[in-house]
Amino acid sequence: MLNSLHRTAASSAFLSSLLECLVFLLRRIYKSGEASHFFDNADCAEILVNEQFSRGWSELSTQRLSVEERTVARLMGQTLVVLVDIARILIDAA
């Protein structure tokens, strides 16, 4: 079992990686510019952002993901700034 310090470091690294992957996927979605036969890229991006931010907040609030408040604020803030650069509509989804 992870002690508290290791758990916090592992959770912080996980959250950081998750948000980086989310940004990577969103950039790819918007860069492709092509609509799929099955979904609209913008709709897909909004759903992805909404689901991942909701799940992240849920995991943080139940403390299943143990990250210091300052770290959460920094990581989420950085991600929100990038979301605005990708597409303003993603802020509402977040």
C-alpha atoms as a PDB file:
ATOM      1  CA  MET A   1       0.000   0.000   0.000  1.00  0.00           C
ATOM      2  CA  LEU A   2       1.194   3.501  -0.788  1.00  0.00           C
ATOM      3  CA  ASN A   3       1.933   5.752   2.143  1.00  0.00           C
ATOM      4  CA  SER A   4       0.377   9.213   2.072  1.00  0.00           C
ATOM      5  CA  LEU A   5       3.344  10.990   0.466  1.00  0.00           C
ATOM      6  CA  HIS A   6       3.737   8.376  -2.281  1.00  0.00           C
ATOM      7  CA  ARG A   7      -0.009   8.300  -2.868  1.00  0.00           C
ATOM      8  CA  THR A   8      -0.120  12.075  -3.279  1.00  0.00           C
ATOM      9  CA  ALA A   9       2.829  12.054  -5.691  1.00  0.00           C
ATOM     10  CA  ALA A  10       1.353   9.189  -7.716  1.00  0.00           C
ATOM     11  CA  SER A  11      -2.075  10.835  -7.816  1.00  0.00           C
ATOM     12  CA  SER A  12      -0.546  14.151  -8.898  1.00  0.00           C
ATOM     13  CA  ALA A  13       1.391  12.458 -11.680  1.00  0.00           C
ATOM     14  CA  PHE A  14      -1.726  10.586 -12.783  1.00  0.00           C
ATOM     15  CA  LEU A  15      -3.858  13.747 -12.893  1.00  0.00           C
ATOM     16  CA  SER A  16      -1.155  15.607 -14.797  1.00  0.00           C
ATOM     17  CA  SER A  17      -0.856  12.800 -17.348  1.00  0.00           C
ATOM     18  CA  LEU A  18      -4.617  12.515 -17.716  1.00  0.00           C
ATOM     19  CA  LEU A  19      -4.974  16.226 -18.437  1.00  0.00           C
ATOM     20  CA  GLU A  20      -2.048  16.163 -20.888  1.00  0.00           C
ATOM     21  CA  CYS A  21      -3.647  13.252 -22.759  1.00  0.00           C
ATOM     22  CA  LEU A  22      -6.974  15.069 -22.806  1.00  0.00           C
ATOM     23  CA  VAL A  23      -5.353  18.149 -24.347  1.00  0.00           C
ATOM     24  CA  PHE A  24      -3.506  15.978 -26.876  1.00  0.00           C
ATOM     25  CA  LEU A  25      -6.744  14.293 -27.974  1.00  0.00           C
ATOM     26  CA  LEU A  26      -8.613  17.582 -28.191  1.00  0.00           C
ATOM     27  CA  ARG A  27      -5.929  19.135 -30.359  1.00  0.00           C
ATOM     28  CA  ARG A  28      -6.090  16.127 -32.662  1.00  0.00           C
ATOM     29  CA  ILE A  29      -9.865  16.314 -32.851  1.00  0.00           C
ATOM     30  CA  TYR A  30      -9.855  19.996 -33.751  1.00  0.00           C
ATOM     31  CA  LYS A  31      -6.821  19.771 -36.019  1.00  0.00           C
ATOM     32  CA  SER A  32      -8.351  17.019 -38.145  1.00  0.00           C
ATOM     33  CA  GLY A  33     -11.226  19.324 -39.074  1.00  0.00           C
ATOM     34  CA  GLU A  34     -13.116  16.421 -40.621  1.00  0.00           C
ATOM     35  CA  ALA A  35     -16.486  15.316 -39.378  1.00  0.00           C
ATOM     36  CA  SER A  36     -16.953  11.609 -38.951  1.00  0.00           C
ATOM     37  CA  HIS A  37     -19.935   9.734 -40.300  1.00  0.00           C
ATOM     38  CA  PHE A  38     -20.815   8.862 -36.709  1.00  0.00           C
ATOM     39  CA  PHE A  39     -20.223  12.080 -34.756  1.00  0.00           C
ATOM     40  CA  ASP A  40     -19.445  15.751 -35.009  1.00  0.00           C
ATOM     41  CA  ASN A  41     -15.898  16.577 -33.823  1.00  0.00           C
ATOM     42  CA  ALA A  42     -16.980  19.552 -31.727  1.00  0.00           C
ATOM     43  CA  ASP A  43     -19.706  17.530 -29.997  1.00  0.00           C
ATOM     44  CA  CYS A  44     -17.271  14.710 -29.324  1.00  0.00           C
ATOM     45  CA  ALA A  45     -14.727  17.134 -27.853  1.00  0.00           C
ATOM     46  CA  GLU A  46     -17.310  18.752 -25.582  1.00  0.00           C
ATOM     47  CA  ILE A  47     -18.525  15.383 -24.310  1.00  0.00           C
ATOM     48  CA  LEU A  48     -14.954  14.225 -23.704  1.00  0.00           C
ATOM     49  CA  VAL A  49     -14.067  17.360 -21.735  1.00  0.00           C
ATOM     50  CA  ASN A  50     -17.273  17.248 -19.720  1.00  0.00           C
ATOM     51  CA  GLU A  51     -16.902  13.587 -18.811  1.00  0.00           C
ATOM     52  CA  GLN A  52     -13.231  13.804 -17.895  1.00  0.00           C
ATOM     53  CA  PHE A  53     -13.549  16.963 -15.803  1.00  0.00           C
ATOM     54  CA  SER A  54     -16.629  15.573 -14.046  1.00  0.00           C
ATOM     55  CA  ARG A  55     -14.873  12.308 -13.300  1.00  0.00           C
ATOM     56  CA  GLY A  56     -11.743  14.115 -12.130  1.00  0.00           C
ATOM     57  CA  TRP A  57     -13.692  16.322  -9.711  1.00  0.00           C
ATOM     58  CA  SER A  58     -15.598  13.292  -8.468  1.00  0.00           C
ATOM     59  CA  GLU A  59     -12.398  11.353  -7.777  1.00  0.00           C
ATOM     60  CA  LEU A  60     -10.832  14.379  -6.069  1.00  0.00           C
ATOM     61  CA  SER A  61     -13.873  15.138  -3.920  1.00  0.00           C
ATOM     62  CA  THR A  62     -14.165  11.545  -2.696  1.00  0.00           C
ATOM     63  CA  GLN A  63     -10.395  11.539  -2.103  1.00  0.00           C
ATOM     64  CA  ARG A  64      -9.901   8.429  -4.194  1.00  0.00           C
ATOM     65  CA  LEU A  65      -7.430  10.660  -6.004  1.00  0.00           C
ATOM     66  CA  SER A  66      -5.267  12.410  -3.411  1.00  0.00           C
ATOM     67  CA  VAL A  67      -3.735  15.591  -4.827  1.00  0.00           C
ATOM     68  CA  GLU A  68      -2.782  18.752  -2.947  1.00  0.00           C
ATOM     69  CA  GLU A  69      -5.158  21.657  -3.533  1.00  0.00           C
ATOM     70  CA  ARG A  70      -2.383  23.871  -4.893  1.00  0.00           C
ATOM     71  CA  THR A  71      -1.410  21.193  -7.417  1.00  0.00           C
ATOM     72  CA  VAL A  72      -5.018  20.648  -8.502  1.00  0.00           C
ATOM     73  CA  ALA A  73      -5.480  24.393  -8.981  1.00  0.00           C
ATOM     74  CA  ARG A  74      -2.304  24.666 -11.050  1.00  0.00           C
ATOM     75  CA  LEU A  75      -3.032  21.633 -13.250  1.00  0.00           C
ATOM     76  CA  MET A  76      -6.691  22.475 -13.834  1.00  0.00           C
ATOM     77  CA  GLY A  77      -5.880  26.139 -14.427  1.00  0.00           C
ATOM     78  CA  GLN A  78      -3.211  25.320 -16.996  1.00  0.00           C
ATOM     79  CA  THR A  79      -5.582  22.938 -18.742  1.00  0.00           C
ATOM     80  CA  LEU A  80      -8.386  25.513 -18.856  1.00  0.00           C
ATOM     81  CA  VAL A  81      -6.023  28.058 -20.447  1.00  0.00           C
ATOM     82  CA  VAL A  82      -5.144  25.524 -23.148  1.00  0.00           C
ATOM     83  CA  LEU A  83      -8.814  24.657 -23.685  1.00  0.00           C
ATOM     84  CA  VAL A  84      -9.543  28.310 -24.458  1.00  0.00           C
ATOM     85  CA  ASP A  85      -6.775  28.236 -27.067  1.00  0.00           C
ATOM     86  CA  ILE A  86      -8.226  25.114 -28.670  1.00  0.00           C
ATOM     87  CA  ALA A  87     -11.882  26.201 -28.651  1.00  0.00           C
ATOM     88  CA  ARG A  88     -13.698  28.598 -26.352  1.00  0.00           C
ATOM     89  CA  ILE A  89     -16.737  26.329 -26.161  1.00  0.00           C
ATOM     90  CA  LEU A  90     -14.682  23.746 -24.245  1.00  0.00           C
ATOM     91  CA  ILE A  91     -14.611  25.969 -21.154  1.00  0.00           C
ATOM     92  CA  ASP A  92     -18.366  25.572 -20.780  1.00  0.00           C
ATOM     93  CA  ALA A  93     -17.998  21.822 -21.176  1.00  0.00           C
ATOM     94  CA  ALA A  94     -15.328  21.730 -18.464  1.00  0.00           C
END
